[in-house]
Amino acid sequence: MMMDILMQAAPMSDAAAAAIGKGYGLLGAGIGLGLAVIGAGIGLGRIGGQVAEGIARQPEAAGEIRGAGVLIAVLLEGATIIALVFALLFKIMA
């Protein structure tokens, strides 16, 4: 029955198709932004927890562990910012 209804529908105009496409673009940009932020939050939380655990296990190596943790966190933030910029560009272009 659903196929009968769909087959009887009038063809979509170009303006309606463009509006639907823009909506999908915005949806994709929103999903991309959300995944980038969630991924960064999880990653930074894990880095912080593992650095704290490593310092607790070997306090004499605290400087080296902290330096490595900060370096990895900075690289993760850079990748997150790039992902956010791309998602915002897709949102603007849509």
PDB file of N, CA and C in Angstrom:
ATOM      1  N   MET A   1       0.819  -1.187   0.000  1.00  0.00           N
ATOM      2  CA  MET A   1       0.000   0.000   0.000  1.00  0.00           C
ATOM      3  C   MET A   1       0.867   1.257   0.000  1.00  0.00           C
ATOM      4  N   MET A   2       1.954   1.198   0.753  1.00  0.00           N
ATOM      5  CA  MET A   2       2.831   2.354   0.820  1.00  0.00           C
ATOM      6  C   MET A   2       3.460   2.647  -0.540  1.00  0.00           C
ATOM      7  N   MET A   3       3.800   1.599  -1.293  1.00  0.00           N
ATOM      8  CA  MET A   3       4.380   1.799  -2.615  1.00  0.00           C
ATOM      9  C   MET A   3       3.381   2.453  -3.557  1.00  0.00           C
ATOM     10  N   ASP A   4       2.107   2.124  -3.433  1.00  0.00           N
ATOM     11  CA  ASP A   4       1.086   2.756  -4.268  1.00  0.00           C
ATOM     12  C   ASP A   4       1.016   4.253  -3.999  1.00  0.00           C
ATOM     13  N   ILE A   5       1.098   4.623  -2.733  1.00  0.00           N
ATOM     14  CA  ILE A   5       1.053   6.037  -2.371  1.00  0.00           C
ATOM     15  C   ILE A   5       2.288   6.749  -2.904  1.00  0.00           C
ATOM     16  N   LEU A   6       3.458   6.125  -2.749  1.00  0.00           N
ATOM     17  CA  LEU A   6       4.687   6.749  -3.228  1.00  0.00           C
ATOM     18  C   LEU A   6       4.713   6.862  -4.746  1.00  0.00           C
ATOM     19  N   MET A   7       4.193   5.881  -5.436  1.00  0.00           N
ATOM     20  CA  MET A   7       4.198   5.901  -6.897  1.00  0.00           C
ATOM     21  C   MET A   7       3.241   6.960  -7.439  1.00  0.00           C
ATOM     22  N   GLN A   8       2.203   7.326  -6.697  1.00  0.00           N
ATOM     23  CA  GLN A   8       1.237   8.312  -7.156  1.00  0.00           C
ATOM     24  C   GLN A   8       1.669   9.735  -6.837  1.00  0.00           C
ATOM     25  N   ALA A   9       2.722   9.892  -6.051  1.00  0.00           N
ATOM     26  CA  ALA A   9       3.164  11.226  -5.670  1.00  0.00           C
ATOM     27  C   ALA A   9       3.695  11.966  -6.900  1.00  0.00           C
ATOM     28  N   ALA A  10       3.471  13.268  -6.919  1.00  0.00           N
ATOM     29  CA  ALA A  10       3.952  14.093  -8.027  1.00  0.00           C
ATOM     30  C   ALA A  10       5.473  14.210  -7.945  1.00  0.00           C
ATOM     31  N   PRO A  11       6.128  14.363  -9.075  1.00  0.00           N
ATOM     32  CA  PRO A  11       7.587  14.518  -9.041  1.00  0.00           C
ATOM     33  C   PRO A  11       7.984  15.760  -8.246  1.00  0.00           C
ATOM     34  N   MET A  12       9.144  15.657  -7.616  1.00  0.00           N
ATOM     35  CA  MET A  12       9.609  16.735  -6.760  1.00  0.00           C
ATOM     36  C   MET A  12      10.234  17.845  -7.610  1.00  0.00           C
ATOM     37  N   SER A  13       9.975  19.084  -7.230  1.00  0.00           N
ATOM     38  CA  SER A  13      10.567  20.207  -7.953  1.00  0.00           C
ATOM     39  C   SER A  13      12.038  20.351  -7.583  1.00  0.00           C
ATOM     40  N   ASP A  14      12.757  21.110  -8.383  1.00  0.00           N
ATOM     41  CA  ASP A  14      14.182  21.315  -8.116  1.00  0.00           C
ATOM     42  C   ASP A  14      14.401  22.082  -6.815  1.00  0.00           C
ATOM     43  N   ALA A  15      13.524  23.024  -6.512  1.00  0.00           N
ATOM     44  CA  ALA A  15      13.659  23.802  -5.273  1.00  0.00           C
ATOM     45  C   ALA A  15      13.451  22.910  -4.057  1.00  0.00           C
ATOM     46  N   ALA A  16      12.489  21.999  -4.141  1.00  0.00           N
ATOM     47  CA  ALA A  16      12.240  21.101  -3.015  1.00  0.00           C
ATOM     48  C   ALA A  16      13.419  20.140  -2.833  1.00  0.00           C
ATOM     49  N   ALA A  17      13.967  19.650  -3.926  1.00  0.00           N
ATOM     50  CA  ALA A  17      15.125  18.754  -3.831  1.00  0.00           C
ATOM     51  C   ALA A  17      16.323  19.477  -3.233  1.00  0.00           C
ATOM     52  N   ALA A  18      16.526  20.754  -3.597  1.00  0.00           N
ATOM     53  CA  ALA A  18      17.641  21.527  -3.039  1.00  0.00           C
ATOM     54  C   ALA A  18      17.440  21.760  -1.548  1.00  0.00           C
ATOM     55  N   ALA A  19      16.195  22.026  -1.139  1.00  0.00           N
ATOM     56  CA  ALA A  19      15.924  22.251   0.279  1.00  0.00           C
ATOM     57  C   ALA A  19      16.176  20.980   1.086  1.00  0.00           C
ATOM     58  N   ILE A  20      15.782  19.838   0.549  1.00  0.00           N
ATOM     59  CA  ILE A  20      16.018  18.577   1.252  1.00  0.00           C
ATOM     60  C   ILE A  20      17.514  18.291   1.332  1.00  0.00           C
ATOM     61  N   GLY A  21      18.230  18.550   0.244  1.00  0.00           N
ATOM     62  CA  GLY A  21      19.679  18.340   0.243  1.00  0.00           C
ATOM     63  C   GLY A  21      20.378  19.226   1.250  1.00  0.00           C
ATOM     64  N   LYS A  22      19.936  20.470   1.376  1.00  0.00           N
ATOM     65  CA  LYS A  22      20.530  21.375   2.360  1.00  0.00           C
ATOM     66  C   LYS A  22      20.272  20.870   3.772  1.00  0.00           C
ATOM     67  N   GLY A  23      19.083  20.343   3.998  1.00  0.00           N
ATOM     68  CA  GLY A  23      18.759  19.799   5.317  1.00  0.00           C
ATOM     69  C   GLY A  23      19.657  18.621   5.666  1.00  0.00           C
ATOM     70  N   TYR A  24      19.921  17.759   4.688  1.00  0.00           N
ATOM     71  CA  TYR A  24      20.818  16.629   4.935  1.00  0.00           C
ATOM     72  C   TYR A  24      22.245  17.114   5.199  1.00  0.00           C
ATOM     73  N   GLY A  25      22.652  18.161   4.523  1.00  0.00           N
ATOM     74  CA  GLY A  25      23.982  18.715   4.758  1.00  0.00           C
ATOM     75  C   GLY A  25      24.124  19.253   6.175  1.00  0.00           C
ATOM     76  N   LEU A  26      23.096  19.945   6.632  1.00  0.00           N
ATOM     77  CA  LEU A  26      23.123  20.471   7.994  1.00  0.00           C
ATOM     78  C   LEU A  26      23.088  19.346   9.025  1.00  0.00           C
ATOM     79  N   LEU A  27      22.329  18.303   8.729  1.00  0.00           N
ATOM     80  CA  LEU A  27      22.287  17.154   9.628  1.00  0.00           C
ATOM     81  C   LEU A  27      23.660  16.494   9.719  1.00  0.00           C
ATOM     82  N   GLY A  28      24.303  16.329   8.584  1.00  0.00           N
ATOM     83  CA  GLY A  28      25.638  15.733   8.576  1.00  0.00           C
ATOM     84  C   GLY A  28      26.656  16.586   9.313  1.00  0.00           C
ATOM     85  N   ALA A  29      26.577  17.907   9.139  1.00  0.00           N
ATOM     86  CA  ALA A  29      27.490  18.802   9.856  1.00  0.00           C
ATOM     87  C   ALA A  29      27.259  18.723  11.362  1.00  0.00           C
ATOM     88  N   GLY A  30      26.002  18.651  11.774  1.00  0.00           N
ATOM     89  CA  GLY A  30      25.701  18.539  13.205  1.00  0.00           C
ATOM     90  C   GLY A  30      26.204  17.243  13.795  1.00  0.00           C
ATOM     91  N   ILE A  31      26.024  16.154  13.061  1.00  0.00           N
ATOM     92  CA  ILE A  31      26.527  14.864  13.546  1.00  0.00           C
ATOM     93  C   ILE A  31      28.049  14.891  13.627  1.00  0.00           C
ATOM     94  N   GLY A  32      28.683  15.491  12.617  1.00  0.00           N
ATOM     95  CA  GLY A  32      30.149  15.588  12.628  1.00  0.00           C
ATOM     96  C   GLY A  32      30.665  16.410  13.803  1.00  0.00           C
ATOM     97  N   LEU A  33      30.020  17.531  14.075  1.00  0.00           N
ATOM     98  CA  LEU A  33      30.414  18.358  15.217  1.00  0.00           C
ATOM     99  C   LEU A  33      30.259  17.597  16.524  1.00  0.00           C
ATOM    100  N   GLY A  34      29.140  16.910  16.664  1.00  0.00           N
ATOM    101  CA  GLY A  34      28.895  16.165  17.900  1.00  0.00           C
ATOM    102  C   GLY A  34      29.906  15.049  18.103  1.00  0.00           C
ATOM    103  N   LEU A  35      30.191  14.299  17.051  1.00  0.00           N
ATOM    104  CA  LEU A  35      31.158  13.204  17.180  1.00  0.00           C
ATOM    105  C   LEU A  35      32.554  13.725  17.484  1.00  0.00           C
ATOM    106  N   ALA A  36      32.931  14.859  16.888  1.00  0.00           N
ATOM    107  CA  ALA A  36      34.259  15.425  17.147  1.00  0.00           C
ATOM    108  C   ALA A  36      34.401  15.842  18.613  1.00  0.00           C
ATOM    109  N   VAL A  37      33.374  16.479  19.141  1.00  0.00           N
ATOM    110  CA  VAL A  37      33.432  16.943  20.533  1.00  0.00           C
ATOM    111  C   VAL A  37      33.398  15.763  21.507  1.00  0.00           C
ATOM    112  N   ILE A  38      32.545  14.789  21.242  1.00  0.00           N
ATOM    113  CA  ILE A  38      32.467  13.615  22.118  1.00  0.00           C
ATOM    114  C   ILE A  38      33.777  12.837  22.086  1.00  0.00           C
ATOM    115  N   GLY A  39      34.322  12.651  20.889  1.00  0.00           N
ATOM    116  CA  GLY A  39      35.594  11.932  20.771  1.00  0.00           C
ATOM    117  C   GLY A  39      36.730  12.638  21.485  1.00  0.00           C
ATOM    118  N   ALA A  40      36.778  13.951  21.363  1.00  0.00           N
ATOM    119  CA  ALA A  40      37.825  14.715  22.051  1.00  0.00           C
ATOM    120  C   ALA A  40      37.673  14.617  23.567  1.00  0.00           C
ATOM    121  N   GLY A  41      36.438  14.687  24.035  1.00  0.00           N
ATOM    122  CA  GLY A  41      36.210  14.581  25.483  1.00  0.00           C
ATOM    123  C   GLY A  41      36.631  13.230  26.029  1.00  0.00           C
ATOM    124  N   ILE A  42      36.274  12.183  25.326  1.00  0.00           N
ATOM    125  CA  ILE A  42      36.676  10.840  25.771  1.00  0.00           C
ATOM    126  C   ILE A  42      38.187  10.694  25.721  1.00  0.00           C
ATOM    127  N   GLY A  43      38.792  11.155  24.637  1.00  0.00           N
ATOM    128  CA  GLY A  43      40.239  11.033  24.489  1.00  0.00           C
ATOM    129  C   GLY A  43      41.003  11.805  25.550  1.00  0.00           C
ATOM    130  N   LEU A  44      40.596  13.038  25.804  1.00  0.00           N
ATOM    131  CA  LEU A  44      41.289  13.833  26.821  1.00  0.00           C
ATOM    132  C   LEU A  44      41.085  13.257  28.216  1.00  0.00           C
ATOM    133  N   GLY A  45      39.915  12.725  28.479  1.00  0.00           N
ATOM    134  CA  GLY A  45      39.684  12.085  29.771  1.00  0.00           C
ATOM    135  C   GLY A  45      40.572  10.871  29.973  1.00  0.00           C
ATOM    136  N   ARG A  46      40.714  10.076  28.924  1.00  0.00           N
ATOM    137  CA  ARG A  46      41.581   8.893  29.021  1.00  0.00           C
ATOM    138  C   ARG A  46      43.047   9.299  29.170  1.00  0.00           C
ATOM    139  N   ILE A  47      43.469  10.317  28.438  1.00  0.00           N
ATOM    140  CA  ILE A  47      44.860  10.775  28.554  1.00  0.00           C
ATOM    141  C   ILE A  47      45.133  11.254  29.970  1.00  0.00           C
ATOM    142  N   GLY A  48      44.234  12.086  30.500  1.00  0.00           N
ATOM    143  CA  GLY A  48      44.427  12.596  31.857  1.00  0.00           C
ATOM    144  C   GLY A  48      44.457  11.489  32.893  1.00  0.00           C
ATOM    145  N   GLY A  49      43.559  10.527  32.756  1.00  0.00           N
ATOM    146  CA  GLY A  49      43.525   9.418  33.708  1.00  0.00           C
ATOM    147  C   GLY A  49      44.778   8.558  33.644  1.00  0.00           C
ATOM    148  N   GLN A  50      45.243   8.277  32.435  1.00  0.00           N
ATOM    149  CA  GLN A  50      46.433   7.450  32.300  1.00  0.00           C
ATOM    150  C   GLN A  50      47.692   8.183  32.765  1.00  0.00           C
ATOM    151  N   VAL A  51      47.753   9.490  32.537  1.00  0.00           N
ATOM    152  CA  VAL A  51      48.897  10.273  33.033  1.00  0.00           C
ATOM    153  C   VAL A  51      48.899  10.275  34.551  1.00  0.00           C
ATOM    154  N   ALA A  52      47.747  10.485  35.174  1.00  0.00           N
ATOM    155  CA  ALA A  52      47.670  10.468  36.634  1.00  0.00           C
ATOM    156  C   ALA A  52      48.062   9.094  37.184  1.00  0.00           C
ATOM    157  N   GLU A  53      47.603   8.030  36.521  1.00  0.00           N
ATOM    158  CA  GLU A  53      47.955   6.683  36.965  1.00  0.00           C
ATOM    159  C   GLU A  53      49.453   6.414  36.799  1.00  0.00           C
ATOM    160  N   GLY A  54      50.013   6.877  35.690  1.00  0.00           N
ATOM    161  CA  GLY A  54      51.448   6.680  35.468  1.00  0.00           C
ATOM    162  C   GLY A  54      52.290   7.434  36.488  1.00  0.00           C
ATOM    163  N   ILE A  55      51.888   8.649  36.825  1.00  0.00           N
ATOM    164  CA  ILE A  55      52.629   9.426  37.831  1.00  0.00           C
ATOM    165  C   ILE A  55      52.484   8.780  39.200  1.00  0.00           C
ATOM    166  N   ALA A  56      51.311   8.223  39.501  1.00  0.00           N
ATOM    167  CA  ALA A  56      51.121   7.559  40.786  1.00  0.00           C
ATOM    168  C   ALA A  56      51.991   6.309  40.891  1.00  0.00           C
ATOM    169  N   ARG A  57      52.205   5.619  39.770  1.00  0.00           N
ATOM    170  CA  ARG A  57      53.024   4.406  39.801  1.00  0.00           C
ATOM    171  C   ARG A  57      54.517   4.726  39.860  1.00  0.00           C
ATOM    172  N   GLN A  58      54.932   5.776  39.138  1.00  0.00           N
ATOM    173  CA  GLN A  58      56.354   6.143  39.124  1.00  0.00           C
ATOM    174  C   GLN A  58      56.496   7.644  39.332  1.00  0.00           C
ATOM    175  N   PRO A  59      56.463   8.091  40.567  1.00  0.00           N
ATOM    176  CA  PRO A  59      56.552   9.537  40.828  1.00  0.00           C
ATOM    177  C   PRO A  59      57.864  10.156  40.365  1.00  0.00           C
ATOM    178  N   GLU A  60      58.925   9.360  40.298  1.00  0.00           N
ATOM    179  CA  GLU A  60      60.210   9.928  39.879  1.00  0.00           C
ATOM    180  C   GLU A  60      60.231  10.289  38.396  1.00  0.00           C
ATOM    181  N   ALA A  61      59.334   9.732  37.604  1.00  0.00           N
ATOM    182  CA  ALA A  61      59.265  10.026  36.168  1.00  0.00           C
ATOM    183  C   ALA A  61      58.102  10.962  35.847  1.00  0.00           C
ATOM    184  N   ALA A  62      57.669  11.731  36.826  1.00  0.00           N
ATOM    185  CA  ALA A  62      56.487  12.576  36.650  1.00  0.00           C
ATOM    186  C   ALA A  62      56.674  13.595  35.534  1.00  0.00           C
ATOM    187  N   GLY A  63      57.835  14.189  35.430  1.00  0.00           N
ATOM    188  CA  GLY A  63      58.082  15.201  34.405  1.00  0.00           C
ATOM    189  C   GLY A  63      57.966  14.640  32.997  1.00  0.00           C
ATOM    190  N   GLU A  64      58.567  13.481  32.780  1.00  0.00           N
ATOM    191  CA  GLU A  64      58.518  12.867  31.447  1.00  0.00           C
ATOM    192  C   GLU A  64      57.096  12.422  31.105  1.00  0.00           C
ATOM    193  N   ILE A  65      56.407  11.834  32.075  1.00  0.00           N
ATOM    194  CA  ILE A  65      55.042  11.366  31.832  1.00  0.00           C
ATOM    195  C   ILE A  65      54.126  12.547  31.542  1.00  0.00           C
ATOM    196  N   ARG A  66      54.268  13.602  32.328  1.00  0.00           N
ATOM    197  CA  ARG A  66      53.435  14.788  32.136  1.00  0.00           C
ATOM    198  C   ARG A  66      53.707  15.424  30.776  1.00  0.00           C
ATOM    199  N   GLY A  67      54.976  15.491  30.386  1.00  0.00           N
ATOM    200  CA  GLY A  67      55.320  16.066  29.078  1.00  0.00           C
ATOM    201  C   GLY A  67      54.732  15.272  27.928  1.00  0.00           C
ATOM    202  N   ALA A  68      54.822  13.950  28.012  1.00  0.00           N
ATOM    203  CA  ALA A  68      54.246  13.107  26.960  1.00  0.00           C
ATOM    204  C   ALA A  68      52.729  13.255  26.923  1.00  0.00           C
ATOM    205  N   GLY A  69      52.104  13.342  28.088  1.00  0.00           N
ATOM    206  CA  GLY A  69      50.656  13.499  28.148  1.00  0.00           C
ATOM    207  C   GLY A  69      50.199  14.822  27.549  1.00  0.00           C
ATOM    208  N   VAL A  70      50.933  15.885  27.848  1.00  0.00           N
ATOM    209  CA  VAL A  70      50.582  17.197  27.291  1.00  0.00           C
ATOM    210  C   VAL A  70      50.758  17.197  25.776  1.00  0.00           C
ATOM    211  N   LEU A  71      51.829  16.588  25.289  1.00  0.00           N
ATOM    212  CA  LEU A  71      52.065  16.520  23.847  1.00  0.00           C
ATOM    213  C   LEU A  71      50.933  15.779  23.138  1.00  0.00           C
ATOM    214  N   ILE A  72      50.537  14.641  23.676  1.00  0.00           N
ATOM    215  CA  ILE A  72      49.448  13.868  23.065  1.00  0.00           C
ATOM    216  C   ILE A  72      48.138  14.652  23.139  1.00  0.00           C
ATOM    217  N   ALA A  73      47.898  15.334  24.251  1.00  0.00           N
ATOM    218  CA  ALA A  73      46.664  16.120  24.392  1.00  0.00           C
ATOM    219  C   ALA A  73      46.634  17.269  23.385  1.00  0.00           C
ATOM    220  N   VAL A  74      47.761  17.905  23.156  1.00  0.00           N
ATOM    221  CA  VAL A  74      47.818  19.003  22.186  1.00  0.00           C
ATOM    222  C   VAL A  74      47.550  18.478  20.777  1.00  0.00           C
ATOM    223  N   LEU A  75      48.121  17.335  20.431  1.00  0.00           N
ATOM    224  CA  LEU A  75      47.869  16.756  19.116  1.00  0.00           C
ATOM    225  C   LEU A  75      46.398  16.379  18.953  1.00  0.00           C
ATOM    226  N   LEU A  76      45.797  15.851  20.003  1.00  0.00           N
ATOM    227  CA  LEU A  76      44.375  15.505  19.954  1.00  0.00           C
ATOM    228  C   LEU A  76      43.515  16.750  19.787  1.00  0.00           C
ATOM    229  N   GLU A  77      43.838  17.809  20.488  1.00  0.00           N
ATOM    230  CA  GLU A  77      43.080  19.053  20.357  1.00  0.00           C
ATOM    231  C   GLU A  77      43.220  19.630  18.951  1.00  0.00           C
ATOM    232  N   GLY A  78      44.408  19.530  18.376  1.00  0.00           N
ATOM    233  CA  GLY A  78      44.606  20.015  17.011  1.00  0.00           C
ATOM    234  C   GLY A  78      43.744  19.257  16.023  1.00  0.00           C
ATOM    235  N   ALA A  79      43.705  17.947  16.151  1.00  0.00           N
ATOM    236  CA  ALA A  79      42.866  17.137  15.262  1.00  0.00           C
ATOM    237  C   ALA A  79      41.389  17.453  15.469  1.00  0.00           C
ATOM    238  N   THR A  80      40.995  17.713  16.707  1.00  0.00           N
ATOM    239  CA  THR A  80      39.603  18.052  16.997  1.00  0.00           C
ATOM    240  C   THR A  80      39.229  19.401  16.391  1.00  0.00           C
ATOM    241  N   ILE A  81      40.103  20.363  16.498  1.00  0.00           N
ATOM    242  CA  ILE A  81      39.820  21.683  15.932  1.00  0.00           C
ATOM    243  C   ILE A  81      39.704  21.595  14.414  1.00  0.00           C
ATOM    244  N   ILE A  82      40.562  20.799  13.784  1.00  0.00           N
ATOM    245  CA  ILE A  82      40.475  20.619  12.334  1.00  0.00           C
ATOM    246  C   ILE A  82      39.139  19.977  11.971  1.00  0.00           C
ATOM    247  N   ALA A  83      38.708  18.974  12.727  1.00  0.00           N
ATOM    248  CA  ALA A  83      37.418  18.330  12.460  1.00  0.00           C
ATOM    249  C   ALA A  83      36.269  19.317  12.630  1.00  0.00           C
ATOM    250  N   LEU A  84      36.331  20.166  13.640  1.00  0.00           N
ATOM    251  CA  LEU A  84      35.278  21.157  13.854  1.00  0.00           C
ATOM    252  C   LEU A  84      35.242  22.179  12.728  1.00  0.00           C
ATOM    253  N   VAL A  85      36.409  22.604  12.256  1.00  0.00           N
ATOM    254  CA  VAL A  85      36.460  23.562  11.149  1.00  0.00           C
ATOM    255  C   VAL A  85      35.857  22.945   9.892  1.00  0.00           C
ATOM    256  N   PHE A  86      36.208  21.697   9.592  1.00  0.00           N
ATOM    257  CA  PHE A  86      35.637  21.036   8.412  1.00  0.00           C
ATOM    258  C   PHE A  86      34.125  20.901   8.537  1.00  0.00           C
ATOM    259  N   ALA A  87      33.636  20.531   9.707  1.00  0.00           N
ATOM    260  CA  ALA A  87      32.193  20.381   9.888  1.00  0.00           C
ATOM    261  C   ALA A  87      31.490  21.723   9.732  1.00  0.00           C
ATOM    262  N   LEU A  88      32.084  22.780  10.262  1.00  0.00           N
ATOM    263  CA  LEU A  88      31.476  24.104  10.099  1.00  0.00           C
ATOM    264  C   LEU A  88      31.512  24.565   8.646  1.00  0.00           C
ATOM    265  N   LEU A  89      32.588  24.239   7.931  1.00  0.00           N
ATOM    266  CA  LEU A  89      32.639  24.557   6.507  1.00  0.00           C
ATOM    267  C   LEU A  89      31.562  23.829   5.735  1.00  0.00           C
ATOM    268  N   PHE A  90      31.342  22.556   6.057  1.00  0.00           N
ATOM    269  CA  PHE A  90      30.280  21.822   5.403  1.00  0.00           C
ATOM    270  C   PHE A  90      28.920  22.420   5.724  1.00  0.00           C
ATOM    271  N   LYS A  91      28.774  22.928   6.945  1.00  0.00           N
ATOM    272  CA  LYS A  91      27.508  23.548   7.328  1.00  0.00           C
ATOM    273  C   LYS A  91      27.289  24.832   6.535  1.00  0.00           C
ATOM    274  N   ILE A  92      28.334  25.610   6.352  1.00  0.00           N
ATOM    275  CA  ILE A  92      28.223  26.866   5.613  1.00  0.00           C
ATOM    276  C   ILE A  92      27.959  26.594   4.129  1.00  0.00           C
ATOM    277  N   MET A  93      28.645  25.585   3.583  1.00  0.00           N
ATOM    278  CA  MET A  93      28.497  25.271   2.164  1.00  0.00           C
ATOM    279  C   MET A  93      27.153  24.632   1.833  1.00  0.00           C
ATOM    280  N   ALA A  94      26.530  24.007   2.820  1.00  0.00           N
ATOM    281  CA  ALA A  94      25.265  23.287   2.558  1.00  0.00           C
ATOM    282  C   ALA A  94      24.129  24.242   2.290  1.00  0.00           C
TER     283      ALA A  94
END
